[in-house]
PDB file of N, CA and C in Angstrom:
ATOM      1  N   UNK A   1     -65.282-102.412  65.662  1.00  0.00           N
ATOM      2  CA  UNK A   1     -64.004-101.676  65.353  1.00  0.00           C
ATOM      3  C   UNK A   1     -64.364-100.677  64.459  1.00  0.00           C
ATOM      4  N   UNK A   2     -63.758 -99.465  64.213  1.00  0.00           N
ATOM      5  CA  UNK A   2     -64.191 -98.389  63.506  1.00  0.00           C
ATOM      6  C   UNK A   2     -63.163 -98.619  62.418  1.00  0.00           C
ATOM      7  N   UNK A   3     -63.684 -98.143  60.966  1.00  0.00           N
ATOM      8  CA  UNK A   3     -62.894 -98.515  59.961  1.00  0.00           C
ATOM      9  C   UNK A   3     -63.254 -97.065  58.865  1.00  0.00           C
ATOM     10  N   UNK A   4     -62.234 -96.705  58.634  1.00  0.00           N
ATOM     11  CA  UNK A   4     -62.275 -95.505  57.737  1.00  0.00           C
ATOM     12  C   UNK A   4     -62.228 -96.201  56.421  1.00  0.00           C
ATOM     13  N   UNK A   5     -63.246 -95.759  55.329  1.00  0.00           N
ATOM     14  CA  UNK A   5     -62.930 -96.481  53.934  1.00  0.00           C
ATOM     15  C   UNK A   5     -62.718 -95.146  52.968  1.00  0.00           C
ATOM     16  N   UNK A   6     -61.920 -94.711  52.201  1.00  0.00           N
ATOM     17  CA  UNK A   6     -61.463 -93.703  51.658  1.00  0.00           C
ATOM     18  C   UNK A   6     -61.391 -94.146  50.114  1.00  0.00           C
ATOM     19  N   UNK A   7     -62.507 -93.809  49.345  1.00  0.00           N
ATOM     20  CA  UNK A   7     -62.756 -94.291  48.094  1.00  0.00           C
ATOM     21  C   UNK A   7     -63.369 -93.284  47.231  1.00  0.00           C
ATOM     22  N   UNK A   8     -62.782 -92.758  46.165  1.00  0.00           N
ATOM     23  CA  UNK A   8     -63.353 -91.748  45.429  1.00  0.00           C
ATOM     24  C   UNK A   8     -64.939 -92.198  44.308  1.00  0.00           C
ATOM     25  N   UNK A   9     -64.757 -93.498  44.138  1.00  0.00           N
ATOM     26  CA  UNK A   9     -65.723 -94.282  43.479  1.00  0.00           C
ATOM     27  C   UNK A   9     -66.893 -94.513  44.428  1.00  0.00           C
ATOM     28  N   UNK A  10     -68.175 -93.852  44.018  1.00  0.00           N
ATOM     29  CA  UNK A  10     -69.046 -94.078  45.201  1.00  0.00           C
ATOM     30  C   UNK A  10     -69.609 -95.315  45.409  1.00  0.00           C
ATOM     31  N   UNK A  11     -69.768 -96.098  43.848  1.00  0.00           N
ATOM     32  CA  UNK A  11     -70.253 -97.330  43.980  1.00  0.00           C
ATOM     33  C   UNK A  11     -69.316 -98.294  44.733  1.00  0.00           C
ATOM     34  N   UNK A  12     -68.367 -98.213  44.498  1.00  0.00           N
ATOM     35  CA  UNK A  12     -67.382 -99.055  45.440  1.00  0.00           C
ATOM     36  C   UNK A  12     -67.259 -98.756  46.786  1.00  0.00           C
ATOM     37  N   UNK A  13     -67.121 -97.439  47.153  1.00  0.00           N
ATOM     38  CA  UNK A  13     -67.241 -96.874  48.506  1.00  0.00           C
ATOM     39  C   UNK A  13     -68.559 -97.583  49.045  1.00  0.00           C
ATOM     40  N   UNK A  14     -69.651 -97.192  48.535  1.00  0.00           N
ATOM     41  CA  UNK A  14     -70.847 -97.767  49.173  1.00  0.00           C
ATOM     42  C   UNK A  14     -70.983 -99.236  49.176  1.00  0.00           C
ATOM     43  N   UNK A  15     -70.429 -99.940  48.485  1.00  0.00           N
ATOM     44  CA  UNK A  15     -70.269-101.591  48.537  1.00  0.00           C
ATOM     45  C   UNK A  15     -69.543-102.038  49.731  1.00  0.00           C
ATOM     46  N   UNK A  16     -68.340-101.553  49.632  1.00  0.00           N
ATOM     47  CA  UNK A  16     -67.521-101.961  50.710  1.00  0.00           C
ATOM     48  C   UNK A  16     -67.858-101.255  52.222  1.00  0.00           C
ATOM     49  N   UNK A  17     -68.494-100.350  52.051  1.00  0.00           N
ATOM     50  CA  UNK A  17     -69.317 -99.716  53.348  1.00  0.00           C
ATOM     51  C   UNK A  17     -70.102-100.800  54.079  1.00  0.00           C
ATOM     52  N   UNK A  18     -71.174-101.154  52.918  1.00  0.00           N
ATOM     53  CA  UNK A  18     -72.079-102.114  53.293  1.00  0.00           C
ATOM     54  C   UNK A  18     -71.713-103.587  53.829  1.00  0.00           C
ATOM     55  N   UNK A  19     -70.692-103.992  53.019  1.00  0.00           N
ATOM     56  CA  UNK A  19     -70.118-105.268  53.409  1.00  0.00           C
ATOM     57  C   UNK A  19     -69.597-105.331  54.808  1.00  0.00           C
ATOM     58  N   UNK A  20     -68.741-103.956  55.291  1.00  0.00           N
ATOM     59  CA  UNK A  20     -67.963-104.079  56.474  1.00  0.00           C
ATOM     60  C   UNK A  20     -68.951-103.848  57.416  1.00  0.00           C
ATOM     61  N   UNK A  21     -69.849-102.871  57.192  1.00  0.00           N
ATOM     62  CA  UNK A  21     -70.954-102.711  58.110  1.00  0.00           C
ATOM     63  C   UNK A  21     -71.847-103.721  58.319  1.00  0.00           C
ATOM     64  N   UNK A  22     -72.286-104.672  57.550  1.00  0.00           N
ATOM     65  CA  UNK A  22     -72.727-105.908  57.719  1.00  0.00           C
ATOM     66  C   UNK A  22     -71.829-106.849  58.862  1.00  0.00           C
ATOM     67  N   UNK A  23     -70.614-106.717  58.443  1.00  0.00           N
ATOM     68  CA  UNK A  23     -69.747-107.551  59.428  1.00  0.00           C
ATOM     69  C   UNK A  23     -69.638-106.893  60.800  1.00  0.00           C
ATOM     70  N   UNK A  24     -70.388-106.116  61.374  1.00  0.00           N
ATOM     71  CA  UNK A  24     -70.396-105.372  62.386  1.00  0.00           C
ATOM     72  C   UNK A  24     -69.688-104.196  62.628  1.00  0.00           C
ATOM     73  N   UNK A  25     -68.755-103.547  61.670  1.00  0.00           N
ATOM     74  CA  UNK A  25     -67.918-102.644  62.022  1.00  0.00           C
ATOM     75  C   UNK A  25     -68.513-101.007  62.082  1.00  0.00           C
ATOM     76  N   UNK A  26     -68.160-100.195  62.533  1.00  0.00           N
ATOM     77  CA  UNK A  26     -68.542 -98.672  62.597  1.00  0.00           C
ATOM     78  C   UNK A  26     -67.653 -98.337  61.228  1.00  0.00           C
ATOM     79  N   UNK A  27     -68.343 -97.601  60.489  1.00  0.00           N
ATOM     80  CA  UNK A  27     -67.565 -97.084  59.017  1.00  0.00           C
ATOM     81  C   UNK A  27     -67.652 -95.575  59.203  1.00  0.00           C
ATOM     82  N   UNK A  28     -66.610 -95.065  58.648  1.00  0.00           N
ATOM     83  CA  UNK A  28     -66.339 -93.657  58.402  1.00  0.00           C
ATOM     84  C   UNK A  28     -66.022 -93.461  56.932  1.00  0.00           C
ATOM     85  N   UNK A  29     -66.518 -92.680  56.135  1.00  0.00           N
ATOM     86  CA  UNK A  29     -66.448 -92.529  54.869  1.00  0.00           C
ATOM     87  C   UNK A  29     -65.633 -91.161  54.606  1.00  0.00           C
ATOM     88  N   UNK A  30     -64.807 -91.467  53.380  1.00  0.00           N
ATOM     89  CA  UNK A  30     -64.183 -90.309  52.953  1.00  0.00           C
ATOM     90  C   UNK A  30     -64.121 -90.427  51.428  1.00  0.00           C
ATOM     91  N   UNK A  31     -64.401 -89.277  50.686  1.00  0.00           N
ATOM     92  CA  UNK A  31     -64.382 -89.364  49.085  1.00  0.00           C
ATOM     93  C   UNK A  31     -63.234 -88.850  48.361  1.00  0.00           C
ATOM     94  N   UNK A  32     -62.102 -88.204  49.096  1.00  0.00           N
ATOM     95  CA  UNK A  32     -60.869 -87.843  48.393  1.00  0.00           C
ATOM     96  C   UNK A  32     -60.135 -87.834  49.407  1.00  0.00           C
ATOM     97  N   UNK A  33     -58.452 -87.711  49.079  1.00  0.00           N
ATOM     98  CA  UNK A  33     -57.409 -87.933  50.086  1.00  0.00           C
ATOM     99  C   UNK A  33     -57.443 -87.059  51.209  1.00  0.00           C
ATOM    100  N   UNK A  34     -57.855 -85.926  50.880  1.00  0.00           N
ATOM    101  CA  UNK A  34     -57.493 -84.820  52.089  1.00  0.00           C
ATOM    102  C   UNK A  34     -58.682 -85.175  53.066  1.00  0.00           C
ATOM    103  N   UNK A  35     -59.924 -85.448  52.630  1.00  0.00           N
ATOM    104  CA  UNK A  35     -61.111 -85.663  53.604  1.00  0.00           C
ATOM    105  C   UNK A  35     -60.575 -87.054  54.370  1.00  0.00           C
ATOM    106  N   UNK A  36     -59.996 -87.986  53.792  1.00  0.00           N
ATOM    107  CA  UNK A  36     -59.564 -89.024  54.357  1.00  0.00           C
ATOM    108  C   UNK A  36     -58.479 -88.814  55.559  1.00  0.00           C
ATOM    109  N   UNK A  37     -57.646 -87.990  55.064  1.00  0.00           N
ATOM    110  CA  UNK A  37     -56.400 -87.461  56.125  1.00  0.00           C
ATOM    111  C   UNK A  37     -57.229 -86.754  57.325  1.00  0.00           C
ATOM    112  N   UNK A  38     -58.210 -85.773  56.930  1.00  0.00           N
ATOM    113  CA  UNK A  38     -59.010 -85.197  58.220  1.00  0.00           C
ATOM    114  C   UNK A  38     -59.702 -86.196  59.038  1.00  0.00           C
ATOM    115  N   UNK A  39     -60.556 -86.946  58.239  1.00  0.00           N
ATOM    116  CA  UNK A  39     -61.422 -87.923  59.010  1.00  0.00           C
ATOM    117  C   UNK A  39     -60.562 -88.949  59.923  1.00  0.00           C
ATOM    118  N   UNK A  40     -59.355 -89.439  59.470  1.00  0.00           N
ATOM    119  CA  UNK A  40     -58.581 -90.393  60.261  1.00  0.00           C
ATOM    120  C   UNK A  40     -58.007 -89.482  61.459  1.00  0.00           C
ATOM    121  N   UNK A  41     -57.715 -88.395  61.608  1.00  0.00           N
ATOM    122  CA  UNK A  41     -57.201 -87.770  62.674  1.00  0.00           C
ATOM    123  C   UNK A  41     -58.179 -87.385  63.612  1.00  0.00           C
ATOM    124  N   UNK A  42     -59.309 -87.189  62.983  1.00  0.00           N
ATOM    125  CA  UNK A  42     -60.813 -86.727  63.801  1.00  0.00           C
ATOM    126  C   UNK A  42     -61.253 -88.094  64.259  1.00  0.00           C
ATOM    127  N   UNK A  43     -61.565 -89.103  63.731  1.00  0.00           N
ATOM    128  CA  UNK A  43     -62.456 -90.251  64.081  1.00  0.00           C
ATOM    129  C   UNK A  43     -61.537 -91.353  64.632  1.00  0.00           C
ATOM    130  N   UNK A  44     -60.159 -91.503  64.633  1.00  0.00           N
ATOM    131  CA  UNK A  44     -59.088 -92.266  65.077  1.00  0.00           C
ATOM    132  C   UNK A  44     -59.768 -93.697  64.805  1.00  0.00           C
ATOM    133  N   UNK A  45     -59.938 -94.197  63.703  1.00  0.00           N
ATOM    134  CA  UNK A  45     -60.241 -95.516  63.071  1.00  0.00           C
ATOM    135  C   UNK A  45     -59.157 -96.406  63.586  1.00  0.00           C
ATOM    136  N   UNK A  46     -59.599 -98.070  63.712  1.00  0.00           N
ATOM    137  CA  UNK A  46     -58.654 -98.935  63.898  1.00  0.00           C
ATOM    138  C   UNK A  46     -58.180 -99.284  62.815  1.00  0.00           C
ATOM    139  N   UNK A  47     -58.712 -99.132  61.564  1.00  0.00           N
ATOM    140  CA  UNK A  47     -58.223 -99.585  60.227  1.00  0.00           C
ATOM    141  C   UNK A  47     -58.536 -98.553  59.324  1.00  0.00           C
ATOM    142  N   UNK A  48     -57.780 -98.388  58.328  1.00  0.00           N
ATOM    143  CA  UNK A  48     -57.979 -97.558  57.158  1.00  0.00           C
ATOM    144  C   UNK A  48     -57.999 -98.562  55.903  1.00  0.00           C
ATOM    145  N   UNK A  49     -59.125 -98.532  54.899  1.00  0.00           N
ATOM    146  CA  UNK A  49     -59.223 -98.856  53.699  1.00  0.00           C
ATOM    147  C   UNK A  49     -58.923 -97.816  52.869  1.00  0.00           C
ATOM    148  N   UNK A  50     -57.848 -97.722  51.768  1.00  0.00           N
ATOM    149  CA  UNK A  50     -57.466 -96.571  51.222  1.00  0.00           C
ATOM    150  C   UNK A  50     -57.248 -96.797  49.747  1.00  0.00           C
ATOM    151  N   UNK A  51     -57.964 -96.019  48.818  1.00  0.00           N
ATOM    152  CA  UNK A  51     -57.720 -95.953  47.622  1.00  0.00           C
ATOM    153  C   UNK A  51     -56.617 -95.386  47.022  1.00  0.00           C
ATOM    154  N   UNK A  52     -55.759 -95.774  46.375  1.00  0.00           N
ATOM    155  CA  UNK A  52     -54.435 -95.252  45.793  1.00  0.00           C
ATOM    156  C   UNK A  52     -54.528 -93.994  45.060  1.00  0.00           C
ATOM    157  N   UNK A  53     -55.550 -94.060  44.162  1.00  0.00           N
ATOM    158  CA  UNK A  53     -55.831 -92.706  43.056  1.00  0.00           C
ATOM    159  C   UNK A  53     -56.990 -92.253  43.409  1.00  0.00           C
ATOM    160  N   UNK A  54     -57.014 -91.078  44.093  1.00  0.00           N
ATOM    161  CA  UNK A  54     -57.934 -90.218  44.490  1.00  0.00           C
ATOM    162  C   UNK A  54     -57.666 -88.499  44.356  1.00  0.00           C
ATOM    163  N   UNK A  55     -58.591 -87.973  44.122  1.00  0.00           N
ATOM    164  CA  UNK A  55     -58.507 -86.585  44.124  1.00  0.00           C
ATOM    165  C   UNK A  55     -57.977 -85.850  45.153  1.00  0.00           C
ATOM    166  N   UNK A  56     -57.428 -84.642  45.121  1.00  0.00           N
ATOM    167  CA  UNK A  56     -56.955 -83.690  45.968  1.00  0.00           C
ATOM    168  C   UNK A  56     -55.632 -84.317  46.582  1.00  0.00           C
ATOM    169  N   UNK A  57     -55.742 -85.358  46.980  1.00  0.00           N
ATOM    170  CA  UNK A  57     -54.604 -85.902  47.631  1.00  0.00           C
ATOM    171  C   UNK A  57     -54.615 -87.477  47.325  1.00  0.00           C
ATOM    172  N   UNK A  58     -53.310 -88.136  46.708  1.00  0.00           N
ATOM    173  CA  UNK A  58     -53.538 -89.506  46.585  1.00  0.00           C
ATOM    174  C   UNK A  58     -53.565 -90.266  47.609  1.00  0.00           C
ATOM    175  N   UNK A  59     -53.853 -91.480  47.464  1.00  0.00           N
ATOM    176  CA  UNK A  59     -53.882 -92.531  48.778  1.00  0.00           C
ATOM    177  C   UNK A  59     -52.376 -92.820  49.103  1.00  0.00           C
ATOM    178  N   UNK A  60     -51.480 -92.874  48.273  1.00  0.00           N
ATOM    179  CA  UNK A  60     -50.379 -93.066  48.862  1.00  0.00           C
ATOM    180  C   UNK A  60     -49.608 -91.992  49.818  1.00  0.00           C
ATOM    181  N   UNK A  61     -50.070 -90.580  49.596  1.00  0.00           N
ATOM    182  CA  UNK A  61     -49.498 -89.896  50.276  1.00  0.00           C
ATOM    183  C   UNK A  61     -50.351 -89.440  51.753  1.00  0.00           C
ATOM    184  N   UNK A  62     -51.621 -89.875  51.483  1.00  0.00           N
ATOM    185  CA  UNK A  62     -52.373 -90.207  52.903  1.00  0.00           C
ATOM    186  C   UNK A  62     -51.836 -90.956  53.675  1.00  0.00           C
ATOM    187  N   UNK A  63     -51.706 -92.175  52.955  1.00  0.00           N
ATOM    188  CA  UNK A  63     -50.899 -93.509  53.899  1.00  0.00           C
ATOM    189  C   UNK A  63     -49.650 -93.019  54.477  1.00  0.00           C
ATOM    190  N   UNK A  64     -48.667 -92.186  53.910  1.00  0.00           N
ATOM    191  CA  UNK A  64     -47.385 -91.770  54.603  1.00  0.00           C
ATOM    192  C   UNK A  64     -47.547 -90.793  55.199  1.00  0.00           C
ATOM    193  N   UNK A  65     -48.409 -89.798  55.277  1.00  0.00           N
ATOM    194  CA  UNK A  65     -48.858 -88.978  56.256  1.00  0.00           C
ATOM    195  C   UNK A  65     -49.354 -89.320  57.621  1.00  0.00           C
ATOM    196  N   UNK A  66     -50.468 -90.480  57.400  1.00  0.00           N
ATOM    197  CA  UNK A  66     -51.283 -90.869  58.626  1.00  0.00           C
ATOM    198  C   UNK A  66     -50.223 -91.932  59.168  1.00  0.00           C
ATOM    199  N   UNK A  67     -49.095 -92.688  58.683  1.00  0.00           N
ATOM    200  CA  UNK A  67     -48.311 -93.517  59.196  1.00  0.00           C
ATOM    201  C   UNK A  67     -47.273 -92.707  59.844  1.00  0.00           C
ATOM    202  N   UNK A  68     -46.899 -91.638  59.532  1.00  0.00           N
ATOM    203  CA  UNK A  68     -45.897 -90.641  60.271  1.00  0.00           C
ATOM    204  C   UNK A  68     -46.476 -90.181  61.763  1.00  0.00           C
ATOM    205  N   UNK A  69     -47.850 -90.113  61.839  1.00  0.00           N
ATOM    206  CA  UNK A  69     -48.303 -89.859  62.806  1.00  0.00           C
ATOM    207  C   UNK A  69     -48.948 -90.810  63.929  1.00  0.00           C
ATOM    208  N   UNK A  70     -49.337 -92.042  63.251  1.00  0.00           N
ATOM    209  CA  UNK A  70     -49.962 -93.142  64.198  1.00  0.00           C
ATOM    210  C   UNK A  70     -49.769 -94.504  63.533  1.00  0.00           C
ATOM    211  N   UNK A  71     -49.257 -95.387  64.163  1.00  0.00           N
ATOM    212  CA  UNK A  71     -49.208 -96.717  63.676  1.00  0.00           C
ATOM    213  C   UNK A  71     -50.738 -97.421  63.799  1.00  0.00           C
ATOM    214  N   UNK A  72     -51.183 -97.593  62.509  1.00  0.00           N
ATOM    215  CA  UNK A  72     -52.373 -98.122  62.318  1.00  0.00           C
ATOM    216  C   UNK A  72     -52.745 -98.757  61.150  1.00  0.00           C
ATOM    217  N   UNK A  73     -53.086 -99.946  61.088  1.00  0.00           N
ATOM    218  CA  UNK A  73     -53.221-100.881  59.668  1.00  0.00           C
ATOM    219  C   UNK A  73     -53.910 -99.995  58.775  1.00  0.00           C
ATOM    220  N   UNK A  74     -53.334-100.027  57.506  1.00  0.00           N
ATOM    221  CA  UNK A  74     -53.710 -99.712  56.273  1.00  0.00           C
ATOM    222  C   UNK A  74     -53.617-100.503  55.366  1.00  0.00           C
ATOM    223  N   UNK A  75     -54.916-100.675  54.472  1.00  0.00           N
ATOM    224  CA  UNK A  75     -54.645-101.559  53.356  1.00  0.00           C
ATOM    225  C   UNK A  75     -55.196-100.922  52.203  1.00  0.00           C
ATOM    226  N   UNK A  76     -54.371-100.938  51.054  1.00  0.00           N
ATOM    227  CA  UNK A  76     -54.478-100.110  49.857  1.00  0.00           C
ATOM    228  C   UNK A  76     -55.215-100.800  48.864  1.00  0.00           C
ATOM    229  N   UNK A  77     -56.546-100.083  48.469  1.00  0.00           N
ATOM    230  CA  UNK A  77     -57.395-100.766  47.564  1.00  0.00           C
ATOM    231  C   UNK A  77     -57.353 -99.969  46.209  1.00  0.00           C
ATOM    232  N   UNK A  78     -56.725-100.717  45.148  1.00  0.00           N
ATOM    233  CA  UNK A  78     -56.483 -99.878  43.921  1.00  0.00           C
ATOM    234  C   UNK A  78     -56.431-100.569  42.793  1.00  0.00           C
ATOM    235  N   UNK A  79     -56.832 -99.872  41.706  1.00  0.00           N
ATOM    236  CA  UNK A  79     -56.637-100.738  40.571  1.00  0.00           C
ATOM    237  C   UNK A  79     -55.054-100.906  39.913  1.00  0.00           C
ATOM    238  N   UNK A  80     -54.228-100.102  40.506  1.00  0.00           N
ATOM    239  CA  UNK A  80     -52.813-100.370  40.185  1.00  0.00           C
ATOM    240  C   UNK A  80     -52.344-101.584  40.868  1.00  0.00           C
ATOM    241  N   UNK A  81     -52.292-102.691  40.148  1.00  0.00           N
ATOM    242  CA  UNK A  81     -51.739-103.834  40.853  1.00  0.00           C
ATOM    243  C   UNK A  81     -50.337-104.323  39.982  1.00  0.00           C
ATOM    244  N   UNK A  82     -49.530-103.577  39.546  1.00  0.00           N
ATOM    245  CA  UNK A  82     -48.423-103.892  38.935  1.00  0.00           C
ATOM    246  C   UNK A  82     -47.340-104.256  40.347  1.00  0.00           C
ATOM    247  N   UNK A  83     -46.255-104.826  40.090  1.00  0.00           N
ATOM    248  CA  UNK A  83     -45.196-104.992  41.119  1.00  0.00           C
ATOM    249  C   UNK A  83     -44.655-103.818  41.780  1.00  0.00           C
ATOM    250  N   UNK A  84     -44.383-102.919  40.733  1.00  0.00           N
ATOM    251  CA  UNK A  84     -44.181-101.225  41.410  1.00  0.00           C
ATOM    252  C   UNK A  84     -45.326-100.801  42.177  1.00  0.00           C
ATOM    253  N   UNK A  85     -46.559-100.877  42.089  1.00  0.00           N
ATOM    254  CA  UNK A  85     -47.447-100.587  42.754  1.00  0.00           C
ATOM    255  C   UNK A  85     -47.359-101.122  44.175  1.00  0.00           C
ATOM    256  N   UNK A  86     -47.360-102.301  44.268  1.00  0.00           N
ATOM    257  CA  UNK A  86     -47.128-103.047  45.434  1.00  0.00           C
ATOM    258  C   UNK A  86     -46.080-102.847  46.285  1.00  0.00           C
ATOM    259  N   UNK A  87     -44.652-102.172  45.777  1.00  0.00           N
ATOM    260  CA  UNK A  87     -43.768-101.815  46.444  1.00  0.00           C
ATOM    261  C   UNK A  87     -43.812-100.388  46.764  1.00  0.00           C
ATOM    262  N   UNK A  88     -44.616 -99.829  46.197  1.00  0.00           N
ATOM    263  CA  UNK A  88     -45.255 -98.082  46.331  1.00  0.00           C
ATOM    264  C   UNK A  88     -45.874 -98.390  47.692  1.00  0.00           C
ATOM    265  N   UNK A  89     -46.827 -99.340  47.904  1.00  0.00           N
ATOM    266  CA  UNK A  89     -47.537 -99.628  49.009  1.00  0.00           C
ATOM    267  C   UNK A  89     -46.762-100.016  50.439  1.00  0.00           C
ATOM    268  N   UNK A  90     -46.075-100.888  50.150  1.00  0.00           N
ATOM    269  CA  UNK A  90     -44.926-101.039  51.179  1.00  0.00           C
ATOM    270  C   UNK A  90     -44.108-100.007  51.361  1.00  0.00           C
ATOM    271  N   UNK A  91     -43.775 -99.130  50.495  1.00  0.00           N
ATOM    272  CA  UNK A  91     -42.820 -98.050  50.985  1.00  0.00           C
ATOM    273  C   UNK A  91     -43.982 -96.861  51.418  1.00  0.00           C
ATOM    274  N   UNK A  92     -44.846 -96.664  51.220  1.00  0.00           N
ATOM    275  CA  UNK A  92     -45.649 -95.714  52.019  1.00  0.00           C
ATOM    276  C   UNK A  92     -46.278 -96.299  53.319  1.00  0.00           C
ATOM    277  N   UNK A  93     -45.907 -97.312  53.763  1.00  0.00           N
ATOM    278  CA  UNK A  93     -46.178 -97.939  55.006  1.00  0.00           C
ATOM    279  C   UNK A  93     -47.590 -98.963  55.319  1.00  0.00           C
ATOM    280  N   UNK A  94     -48.094 -99.078  53.823  1.00  0.00           N
ATOM    281  CA  UNK A  94     -49.382 -99.869  53.960  1.00  0.00           C
ATOM    282  C   UNK A  94     -48.902-101.294  54.193  1.00  0.00           C
ATOM    283  N   UNK A  95     -50.208-101.915  55.055  1.00  0.00           N
ATOM    284  CA  UNK A  95     -50.036-102.977  55.831  1.00  0.00           C
ATOM    285  C   UNK A  95     -50.264-104.318  55.059  1.00  0.00           C
ATOM    286  N   UNK A  96     -51.240-103.979  53.937  1.00  0.00           N
ATOM    287  CA  UNK A  96     -51.820-104.809  52.952  1.00  0.00           C
ATOM    288  C   UNK A  96     -51.920-104.055  51.658  1.00  0.00           C
ATOM    289  N   UNK A  97     -52.510-104.891  50.914  1.00  0.00           N
ATOM    290  CA  UNK A  97     -52.822-104.543  49.217  1.00  0.00           C
ATOM    291  C   UNK A  97     -53.793-105.441  48.691  1.00  0.00           C
ATOM    292  N   UNK A  98     -54.832-104.832  48.063  1.00  0.00           N
ATOM    293  CA  UNK A  98     -55.916-105.391  47.507  1.00  0.00           C
ATOM    294  C   UNK A  98     -56.222-105.096  45.977  1.00  0.00           C
ATOM    295  N   UNK A  99     -56.119-105.593  44.848  1.00  0.00           N
ATOM    296  CA  UNK A  99     -56.271-105.126  43.813  1.00  0.00           C
ATOM    297  C   UNK A  99     -57.789-105.096  43.229  1.00  0.00           C
ATOM    298  N   UNK A 100     -58.092-104.081  42.740  1.00  0.00           N
ATOM    299  CA  UNK A 100     -59.428-104.066  42.142  1.00  0.00           C
ATOM    300  C   UNK A 100     -59.389-104.551  40.545  1.00  0.00           C
ATOM    301  N   UNK A 101     -60.218-105.231  40.130  1.00  0.00           N
ATOM    302  CA  UNK A 101     -61.612-105.733  41.218  1.00  0.00           C
ATOM    303  C   UNK A 101     -61.132-106.988  41.984  1.00  0.00           C
ATOM    304  N   UNK A 102     -61.732-107.005  43.240  1.00  0.00           N
ATOM    305  CA  UNK A 102     -61.493-107.670  44.266  1.00  0.00           C
ATOM    306  C   UNK A 102     -62.734-108.806  44.576  1.00  0.00           C
ATOM    307  N   UNK A 103     -62.502-109.813  45.123  1.00  0.00           N
ATOM    308  CA  UNK A 103     -63.568-110.613  45.607  1.00  0.00           C
ATOM    309  C   UNK A 103     -64.015-110.098  47.016  1.00  0.00           C
ATOM    310  N   UNK A 104     -65.091-109.899  47.428  1.00  0.00           N
ATOM    311  CA  UNK A 104     -65.719-109.415  48.761  1.00  0.00           C
ATOM    312  C   UNK A 104     -64.874-110.281  50.205  1.00  0.00           C
ATOM    313  N   UNK A 105     -64.929-111.659  49.574  1.00  0.00           N
ATOM    314  CA  UNK A 105     -64.496-112.527  50.840  1.00  0.00           C
ATOM    315  C   UNK A 105     -63.023-112.380  50.812  1.00  0.00           C
ATOM    316  N   UNK A 106     -62.225-111.928  49.957  1.00  0.00           N
ATOM    317  CA  UNK A 106     -60.826-111.495  50.189  1.00  0.00           C
ATOM    318  C   UNK A 106     -60.717-110.233  50.926  1.00  0.00           C
ATOM    319  N   UNK A 107     -61.770-109.376  50.578  1.00  0.00           N
ATOM    320  CA  UNK A 107     -61.581-107.786  51.385  1.00  0.00           C
ATOM    321  C   UNK A 107     -61.918-108.304  52.736  1.00  0.00           C
ATOM    322  N   UNK A 108     -62.975-108.940  52.905  1.00  0.00           N
ATOM    323  CA  UNK A 108     -63.437-109.370  54.639  1.00  0.00           C
ATOM    324  C   UNK A 108     -61.987-110.241  55.197  1.00  0.00           C
ATOM    325  N   UNK A 109     -61.709-111.087  54.670  1.00  0.00           N
ATOM    326  CA  UNK A 109     -60.402-111.531  55.233  1.00  0.00           C
ATOM    327  C   UNK A 109     -59.303-111.061  55.444  1.00  0.00           C
ATOM    328  N   UNK A 110     -59.134-110.025  54.475  1.00  0.00           N
ATOM    329  CA  UNK A 110     -58.006-109.265  54.766  1.00  0.00           C
ATOM    330  C   UNK A 110     -58.108-107.862  55.834  1.00  0.00           C
ATOM    331  N   UNK A 111     -59.286-107.696  55.951  1.00  0.00           N
ATOM    332  CA  UNK A 111     -59.827-106.682  56.986  1.00  0.00           C
ATOM    333  C   UNK A 111     -59.726-107.459  58.387  1.00  0.00           C
ATOM    334  N   UNK A 112     -60.034-108.620  58.293  1.00  0.00           N
ATOM    335  CA  UNK A 112     -60.087-109.353  59.715  1.00  0.00           C
ATOM    336  C   UNK A 112     -58.586-109.785  60.424  1.00  0.00           C
ATOM    337  N   UNK A 113     -57.939-109.863  59.176  1.00  0.00           N
ATOM    338  CA  UNK A 113     -56.505-110.363  59.221  1.00  0.00           C
ATOM    339  C   UNK A 113     -55.810-108.906  60.052  1.00  0.00           C
ATOM    340  N   UNK A 114     -55.909-107.650  59.577  1.00  0.00           N
ATOM    341  CA  UNK A 114     -55.531-106.574  59.996  1.00  0.00           C
ATOM    342  C   UNK A 114     -55.980-106.048  61.410  1.00  0.00           C
ATOM    343  N   UNK A 115     -57.406-106.382  61.267  1.00  0.00           N
ATOM    344  CA  UNK A 115     -57.630-105.997  62.553  1.00  0.00           C
ATOM    345  C   UNK A 115     -57.471-106.882  63.820  1.00  0.00           C
ATOM    346  N   UNK A 116     -57.119-108.297  63.609  1.00  0.00           N
ATOM    347  CA  UNK A 116     -56.642-109.224  64.738  1.00  0.00           C
ATOM    348  C   UNK A 116     -55.373-108.217  64.889  1.00  0.00           C
ATOM    349  N   UNK A 117     -54.482-107.738  64.163  1.00  0.00           N
ATOM    350  CA  UNK A 117     -53.363-107.181  64.770  1.00  0.00           C
ATOM    351  C   UNK A 117     -53.324-105.792  65.742  1.00  0.00           C
ATOM    352  N   UNK A 118     -54.723-105.103  65.864  1.00  0.00           N
ATOM    353  CA  UNK A 118     -55.177-104.154  66.437  1.00  0.00           C
ATOM    354  C   UNK A 118     -55.556-104.672  67.981  1.00  0.00           C
ATOM    355  N   UNK A 119     -55.877-105.828  68.111  1.00  0.00           N
ATOM    356  CA  UNK A 119     -56.399-106.488  69.114  1.00  0.00           C
ATOM    357  C   UNK A 119     -55.522-107.182  70.300  1.00  0.00           C
ATOM    358  N   UNK A 120     -54.342-107.248  69.352  1.00  0.00           N
ATOM    359  CA  UNK A 120     -53.274-107.963  70.280  1.00  0.00           C
ATOM    360  C   UNK A 120     -52.694-107.037  71.369  1.00  0.00           C
TER     361      UNK A 120
END
C-alpha cells in the first residue's frame, strides 16, 4: 500500500518512514502542508499520516481539502492532544488520531486498521 507521510519534523518523518517501509509499504514524503496536498493528488496514496501543525498549510486544512476531493483514510499525528484537538480532527474528516509522543506499535496498529478499510 502507498502511504503519504506529511511531517515537518525530519526526525519523526524519517522514523515513521522507516517503520512503515519496513512493514512493506511504499512511502511518499512531504515536509509541509502544501507539499502534502500536491503529493496526495499526484501519488494517490491509500492512506495519509498527517501532522496537524506544519508550515505553509496546516494539516487540519490539508485534511479538509483532501477529504473534499477523495474518501481516503487520514490519521492525524500531532502534539495537540487535548479534547478540542481530537474534535478538530474529527471535524476536518480525519479517521484516526495519534498524539505525539507515540509508541511505534500503536502507530503500526492504527495504520493497519485504517488500511484494512481500504482493502474492503
